[in-house]
C-alpha atoms as a PDB file:
ATOM      1  CA  UNK A   1      37.435 247.058  92.359  1.00  0.00           C
ATOM      2  CA  UNK A   2      40.394 244.311  91.728  1.00  0.00           C
ATOM      3  CA  UNK A   3      42.720 244.560  94.312  1.00  0.00           C
ATOM      4  CA  UNK A   4      45.945 242.427  94.961  1.00  0.00           C
ATOM      5  CA  UNK A   5      47.758 240.647  97.703  1.00  0.00           C
ATOM      6  CA  UNK A   6      50.851 241.878  96.357  1.00  0.00           C
ATOM      7  CA  UNK A   7      50.847 245.812  96.598  1.00  0.00           C
ATOM      8  CA  UNK A   8      52.378 246.620  98.937  1.00  0.00           C
ATOM      9  CA  UNK A   9      54.450 243.796 100.043  1.00  0.00           C
ATOM     10  CA  UNK A  10      57.553 244.583  99.025  1.00  0.00           C
ATOM     11  CA  UNK A  11      58.977 240.978  99.439  1.00  0.00           C
ATOM     12  CA  UNK A  12      56.497 239.832  96.351  1.00  0.00           C
ATOM     13  CA  UNK A  13      58.012 242.796  93.860  1.00  0.00           C
ATOM     14  CA  UNK A  14      60.458 244.343  92.412  1.00  0.00           C
ATOM     15  CA  UNK A  15      61.925 247.444  91.430  1.00  0.00           C
ATOM     16  CA  UNK A  16      61.995 248.705  88.111  1.00  0.00           C
ATOM     17  CA  UNK A  17      63.510 252.075  86.340  1.00  0.00           C
ATOM     18  CA  UNK A  18      62.259 252.712  82.170  1.00  0.00           C
ATOM     19  CA  UNK A  19      64.816 255.131  82.135  1.00  0.00           C
ATOM     20  CA  UNK A  20      67.546 253.413  83.034  1.00  0.00           C
ATOM     21  CA  UNK A  21      69.167 251.886  79.153  1.00  0.00           C
ATOM     22  CA  UNK A  22      69.094 255.780  78.150  1.00  0.00           C
ATOM     23  CA  UNK A  23      72.362 257.057  80.738  1.00  0.00           C
ATOM     24  CA  UNK A  24      69.943 259.802  82.103  1.00  0.00           C
ATOM     25  CA  UNK A  25      69.754 261.610  85.667  1.00  0.00           C
ATOM     26  CA  UNK A  26      66.088 260.763  86.581  1.00  0.00           C
ATOM     27  CA  UNK A  27      65.494 257.524  88.984  1.00  0.00           C
ATOM     28  CA  UNK A  28      61.822 257.308  88.882  1.00  0.00           C
ATOM     29  CA  UNK A  29      61.619 253.989  90.183  1.00  0.00           C
ATOM     30  CA  UNK A  30      58.021 251.721  89.836  1.00  0.00           C
ATOM     31  CA  UNK A  31      57.455 248.676  92.422  1.00  0.00           C
ATOM     32  CA  UNK A  32      55.975 245.969  89.730  1.00  0.00           C
ATOM     33  CA  UNK A  33      54.239 242.665  91.445  1.00  0.00           C
ATOM     34  CA  UNK A  34      56.466 239.563  90.752  1.00  0.00           C
ATOM     35  CA  UNK A  35      53.599 237.512  91.671  1.00  0.00           C
ATOM     36  CA  UNK A  36      50.054 237.165  89.158  1.00  0.00           C
ATOM     37  CA  UNK A  37      47.322 239.854  89.476  1.00  0.00           C
ATOM     38  CA  UNK A  38      43.886 238.318  89.609  1.00  0.00           C
ATOM     39  CA  UNK A  39      40.851 240.499  90.222  1.00  0.00           C
ATOM     40  CA  UNK A  40      38.938 237.428  91.543  1.00  0.00           C
ATOM     41  CA  UNK A  41      40.765 235.308  94.845  1.00  0.00           C
ATOM     42  CA  UNK A  42      38.876 231.846  93.494  1.00  0.00           C
ATOM     43  CA  UNK A  43      41.122 232.787  90.754  1.00  0.00           C
ATOM     44  CA  UNK A  44      44.398 232.032  91.964  1.00  0.00           C
ATOM     45  CA  UNK A  45      43.813 229.109  93.603  1.00  0.00           C
ATOM     46  CA  UNK A  46      42.443 226.956  90.142  1.00  0.00           C
ATOM     47  CA  UNK A  47      45.932 224.926  88.843  1.00  0.00           C
ATOM     48  CA  UNK A  48      44.443 224.812  85.305  1.00  0.00           C
ATOM     49  CA  UNK A  49      42.570 225.553  82.301  1.00  0.00           C
ATOM     50  CA  UNK A  50      39.549 226.448  82.123  1.00  0.00           C
ATOM     51  CA  UNK A  51      37.543 223.968  79.364  1.00  0.00           C
ATOM     52  CA  UNK A  52      37.671 226.268  77.302  1.00  0.00           C
ATOM     53  CA  UNK A  53      41.120 226.223  77.014  1.00  0.00           C
ATOM     54  CA  UNK A  54      41.575 222.958  77.245  1.00  0.00           C
ATOM     55  CA  UNK A  55      39.730 222.574  74.283  1.00  0.00           C
ATOM     56  CA  UNK A  56      41.798 225.251  72.699  1.00  0.00           C
ATOM     57  CA  UNK A  57      44.809 223.717  73.354  1.00  0.00           C
ATOM     58  CA  UNK A  58      44.443 220.378  73.242  1.00  0.00           C
ATOM     59  CA  UNK A  59      42.885 220.751  69.625  1.00  0.00           C
ATOM     60  CA  UNK A  60      45.394 223.031  68.322  1.00  0.00           C
ATOM     61  CA  UNK A  61      48.140 220.844  69.498  1.00  0.00           C
ATOM     62  CA  UNK A  62      46.647 217.503  68.034  1.00  0.00           C
ATOM     63  CA  UNK A  63      45.594 219.474  64.557  1.00  0.00           C
ATOM     64  CA  UNK A  64      49.114 221.422  64.382  1.00  0.00           C
ATOM     65  CA  UNK A  65      51.904 218.211  65.228  1.00  0.00           C
ATOM     66  CA  UNK A  66      49.732 215.844  63.151  1.00  0.00           C
ATOM     67  CA  UNK A  67      49.319 218.724  60.033  1.00  0.00           C
ATOM     68  CA  UNK A  68      53.427 219.086  60.404  1.00  0.00           C
ATOM     69  CA  UNK A  69      53.611 215.580  60.482  1.00  0.00           C
ATOM     70  CA  UNK A  70      51.205 214.487  57.586  1.00  0.00           C
ATOM     71  CA  UNK A  71      52.908 217.657  55.215  1.00  0.00           C
ATOM     72  CA  UNK A  72      56.895 215.552  56.090  1.00  0.00           C
ATOM     73  CA  UNK A  73      54.935 212.296  54.678  1.00  0.00           C
ATOM     74  CA  UNK A  74      53.485 214.688  51.546  1.00  0.00           C
ATOM     75  CA  UNK A  75      56.767 215.474  50.959  1.00  0.00           C
ATOM     76  CA  UNK A  76      58.603 212.049  51.051  1.00  0.00           C
ATOM     77  CA  UNK A  77      55.734 210.665  49.285  1.00  0.00           C
ATOM     78  CA  UNK A  78      56.134 213.234  46.502  1.00  0.00           C
ATOM     79  CA  UNK A  79      59.776 213.108  46.069  1.00  0.00           C
ATOM     80  CA  UNK A  80      59.299 208.806  45.745  1.00  0.00           C
ATOM     81  CA  UNK A  81      56.880 209.776  42.861  1.00  0.00           C
ATOM     82  CA  UNK A  82      59.002 211.641  41.058  1.00  0.00           C
ATOM     83  CA  UNK A  83      59.812 210.962  37.003  1.00  0.00           C
ATOM     84  CA  UNK A  84      62.720 211.367  35.100  1.00  0.00           C
ATOM     85  CA  UNK A  85      60.827 213.563  32.408  1.00  0.00           C
ATOM     86  CA  UNK A  86      59.534 215.992  35.373  1.00  0.00           C
ATOM     87  CA  UNK A  87      60.839 220.325  35.130  1.00  0.00           C
ATOM     88  CA  UNK A  88      61.384 221.799  38.526  1.00  0.00           C
ATOM     89  CA  UNK A  89      57.524 223.725  38.400  1.00  0.00           C
ATOM     90  CA  UNK A  90      55.903 220.003  38.384  1.00  0.00           C
ATOM     91  CA  UNK A  91      58.356 218.430  41.142  1.00  0.00           C
ATOM     92  CA  UNK A  92      57.561 222.091  43.183  1.00  0.00           C
ATOM     93  CA  UNK A  93      53.841 221.344  41.895  1.00  0.00           C
ATOM     94  CA  UNK A  94      53.889 217.641  42.677  1.00  0.00           C
ATOM     95  CA  UNK A  95      55.784 218.474  46.706  1.00  0.00           C
ATOM     96  CA  UNK A  96      53.183 221.860  47.170  1.00  0.00           C
ATOM     97  CA  UNK A  97      49.986 219.296  46.541  1.00  0.00           C
ATOM     98  CA  UNK A  98      51.331 216.198  48.379  1.00  0.00           C
ATOM     99  CA  UNK A  99      52.413 217.693  51.271  1.00  0.00           C
ATOM    100  CA  UNK A 100      49.946 220.026  51.857  1.00  0.00           C
ATOM    101  CA  UNK A 101      47.232 217.105  50.888  1.00  0.00           C
ATOM    102  CA  UNK A 102      48.168 215.177  53.627  1.00  0.00           C
ATOM    103  CA  UNK A 103      48.971 217.767  56.415  1.00  0.00           C
ATOM    104  CA  UNK A 104      45.183 218.837  56.204  1.00  0.00           C
ATOM    105  CA  UNK A 105      43.469 215.059  55.937  1.00  0.00           C
ATOM    106  CA  UNK A 106      46.072 214.444  59.114  1.00  0.00           C
ATOM    107  CA  UNK A 107      45.239 216.845  60.926  1.00  0.00           C
ATOM    108  CA  UNK A 108      41.957 217.013  60.320  1.00  0.00           C
ATOM    109  CA  UNK A 109      41.861 213.382  62.005  1.00  0.00           C
ATOM    110  CA  UNK A 110      43.504 213.968  64.915  1.00  0.00           C
ATOM    111  CA  UNK A 111      42.400 217.711  65.300  1.00  0.00           C
ATOM    112  CA  UNK A 112      39.267 215.336  66.121  1.00  0.00           C
ATOM    113  CA  UNK A 113      40.488 212.817  68.573  1.00  0.00           C
ATOM    114  CA  UNK A 114      42.406 215.859  70.479  1.00  0.00           C
ATOM    115  CA  UNK A 115      38.921 217.358  70.594  1.00  0.00           C
ATOM    116  CA  UNK A 116      36.678 214.301  72.141  1.00  0.00           C
ATOM    117  CA  UNK A 117      39.645 214.003  74.514  1.00  0.00           C
ATOM    118  CA  UNK A 118      40.336 218.009  75.769  1.00  0.00           C
ATOM    119  CA  UNK A 119      35.893 217.004  75.438  1.00  0.00           C
ATOM    120  CA  UNK A 120      35.942 214.061  77.643  1.00  0.00           C
ATOM    121  CA  UNK A 121      38.432 214.961  80.401  1.00  0.00           C
ATOM    122  CA  UNK A 122      36.972 218.047  80.905  1.00  0.00           C
ATOM    123  CA  UNK A 123      34.182 216.186  81.651  1.00  0.00           C
ATOM    124  CA  UNK A 124      35.671 213.475  84.396  1.00  0.00           C
ATOM    125  CA  UNK A 125      37.051 216.435  85.772  1.00  0.00           C
ATOM    126  CA  UNK A 126      33.612 218.168  85.953  1.00  0.00           C
ATOM    127  CA  UNK A 127      32.080 214.745  87.395  1.00  0.00           C
ATOM    128  CA  UNK A 128      34.916 213.102  89.832  1.00  0.00           C
ATOM    129  CA  UNK A 129      36.104 217.257  90.799  1.00  0.00           C
ATOM    130  CA  UNK A 130      39.762 215.799  90.729  1.00  0.00           C
ATOM    131  CA  UNK A 131      42.715 216.307  88.128  1.00  0.00           C
ATOM    132  CA  UNK A 132      45.315 213.799  88.504  1.00  0.00           C
ATOM    133  CA  UNK A 133      46.474 210.826  86.091  1.00  0.00           C
ATOM    134  CA  UNK A 134      43.696 208.241  86.154  1.00  0.00           C
ATOM    135  CA  UNK A 135      41.903 211.545  84.933  1.00  0.00           C
ATOM    136  CA  UNK A 136      43.865 211.622  82.239  1.00  0.00           C
ATOM    137  CA  UNK A 137      44.335 208.110  81.708  1.00  0.00           C
ATOM    138  CA  UNK A 138      39.839 208.163  81.986  1.00  0.00           C
ATOM    139  CA  UNK A 139      39.904 210.498  79.154  1.00  0.00           C
ATOM    140  CA  UNK A 140      42.330 209.019  77.118  1.00  0.00           C
ATOM    141  CA  UNK A 141      40.230 205.302  77.305  1.00  0.00           C
ATOM    142  CA  UNK A 142      36.999 206.904  76.133  1.00  0.00           C
ATOM    143  CA  UNK A 143      38.800 208.742  72.908  1.00  0.00           C
ATOM    144  CA  UNK A 144      39.856 205.852  72.167  1.00  0.00           C
ATOM    145  CA  UNK A 145      36.339 204.207  72.789  1.00  0.00           C
ATOM    146  CA  UNK A 146      34.351 206.425  71.215  1.00  0.00           C
ATOM    147  CA  UNK A 147      36.668 206.925  67.886  1.00  0.00           C
ATOM    148  CA  UNK A 148      36.764 203.433  67.750  1.00  0.00           C
ATOM    149  CA  UNK A 149      33.405 202.283  68.467  1.00  0.00           C
ATOM    150  CA  UNK A 150      31.669 201.904  64.652  1.00  0.00           C
ATOM    151  CA  UNK A 151      34.690 199.346  64.346  1.00  0.00           C
ATOM    152  CA  UNK A 152      32.658 197.160  67.085  1.00  0.00           C
ATOM    153  CA  UNK A 153      33.251 196.395  70.154  1.00  0.00           C
ATOM    154  CA  UNK A 154      36.487 194.533  70.327  1.00  0.00           C
ATOM    155  CA  UNK A 155      38.093 197.954  68.778  1.00  0.00           C
ATOM    156  CA  UNK A 156      36.430 199.762  70.498  1.00  0.00           C
ATOM    157  CA  UNK A 157      38.048 198.250  73.707  1.00  0.00           C
ATOM    158  CA  UNK A 158      41.618 197.860  72.717  1.00  0.00           C
ATOM    159  CA  UNK A 159      41.381 201.493  70.919  1.00  0.00           C
ATOM    160  CA  UNK A 160      40.372 202.243  74.276  1.00  0.00           C
ATOM    161  CA  UNK A 161      43.122 200.375  76.663  1.00  0.00           C
ATOM    162  CA  UNK A 162      45.688 202.131  73.829  1.00  0.00           C
ATOM    163  CA  UNK A 163      44.376 205.633  74.971  1.00  0.00           C
ATOM    164  CA  UNK A 164      44.128 205.307  78.220  1.00  0.00           C
ATOM    165  CA  UNK A 165      48.063 203.918  78.252  1.00  0.00           C
ATOM    166  CA  UNK A 166      48.936 206.613  76.059  1.00  0.00           C
ATOM    167  CA  UNK A 167      46.967 208.917  78.056  1.00  0.00           C
ATOM    168  CA  UNK A 168      49.081 207.442  81.255  1.00  0.00           C
ATOM    169  CA  UNK A 169      52.459 207.348  80.115  1.00  0.00           C
ATOM    170  CA  UNK A 170      52.316 211.690  78.271  1.00  0.00           C
ATOM    171  CA  UNK A 171      51.465 212.642  81.957  1.00  0.00           C
ATOM    172  CA  UNK A 172      54.526 209.943  83.418  1.00  0.00           C
ATOM    173  CA  UNK A 173      56.312 211.191  80.993  1.00  0.00           C
ATOM    174  CA  UNK A 174      55.824 215.160  81.649  1.00  0.00           C
ATOM    175  CA  UNK A 175      55.657 214.807  85.672  1.00  0.00           C
ATOM    176  CA  UNK A 176      59.264 213.211  85.894  1.00  0.00           C
ATOM    177  CA  UNK A 177      60.108 216.199  83.317  1.00  0.00           C
ATOM    178  CA  UNK A 178      58.683 218.261  85.158  1.00  0.00           C
ATOM    179  CA  UNK A 179      61.021 217.041  88.524  1.00  0.00           C
ATOM    180  CA  UNK A 180      63.961 216.205  86.816  1.00  0.00           C
ATOM    181  CA  UNK A 181      64.567 218.669  84.840  1.00  0.00           C
ATOM    182  CA  UNK A 182      63.161 221.648  86.410  1.00  0.00           C
ATOM    183  CA  UNK A 183      60.650 222.764  83.814  1.00  0.00           C
END
């Protein structure tokens, strides 16, 4: 049986009247909890996404962002390739083909980078049982190195260093935004 700590605590509930907008004399008020409810107490203590959620989030975010960026590049590339004799139908076709192709290519490439990052970050968290800036830096370092490993040791080292710096900068920026913008 699921039990929540906020079932009968008046400080952690709010009153809800489903008929408030209907101007009826009915006064049915329900006490709704304001804090999240969990089936198991361990779930309420966990403050980070699971490895599957992590994998989906980073891969999907990377794919979507890169697809939009790639489609934008393809759009401007198509605009540059117009010829004076092109009809409107041909221009639209060029824009759609170029945007679609570039969006797919960029999305797939960067989506794989997000997949590798999520896997390495989840592995580092599982091994060290820590989730902080250094975990993200290690995952960025590993991702950069894995992505450029086929081009040699030097290229992998440079890409790893850049990946670690980028991941650290993103996490530090996110923490700064949380602190000052109250996100």
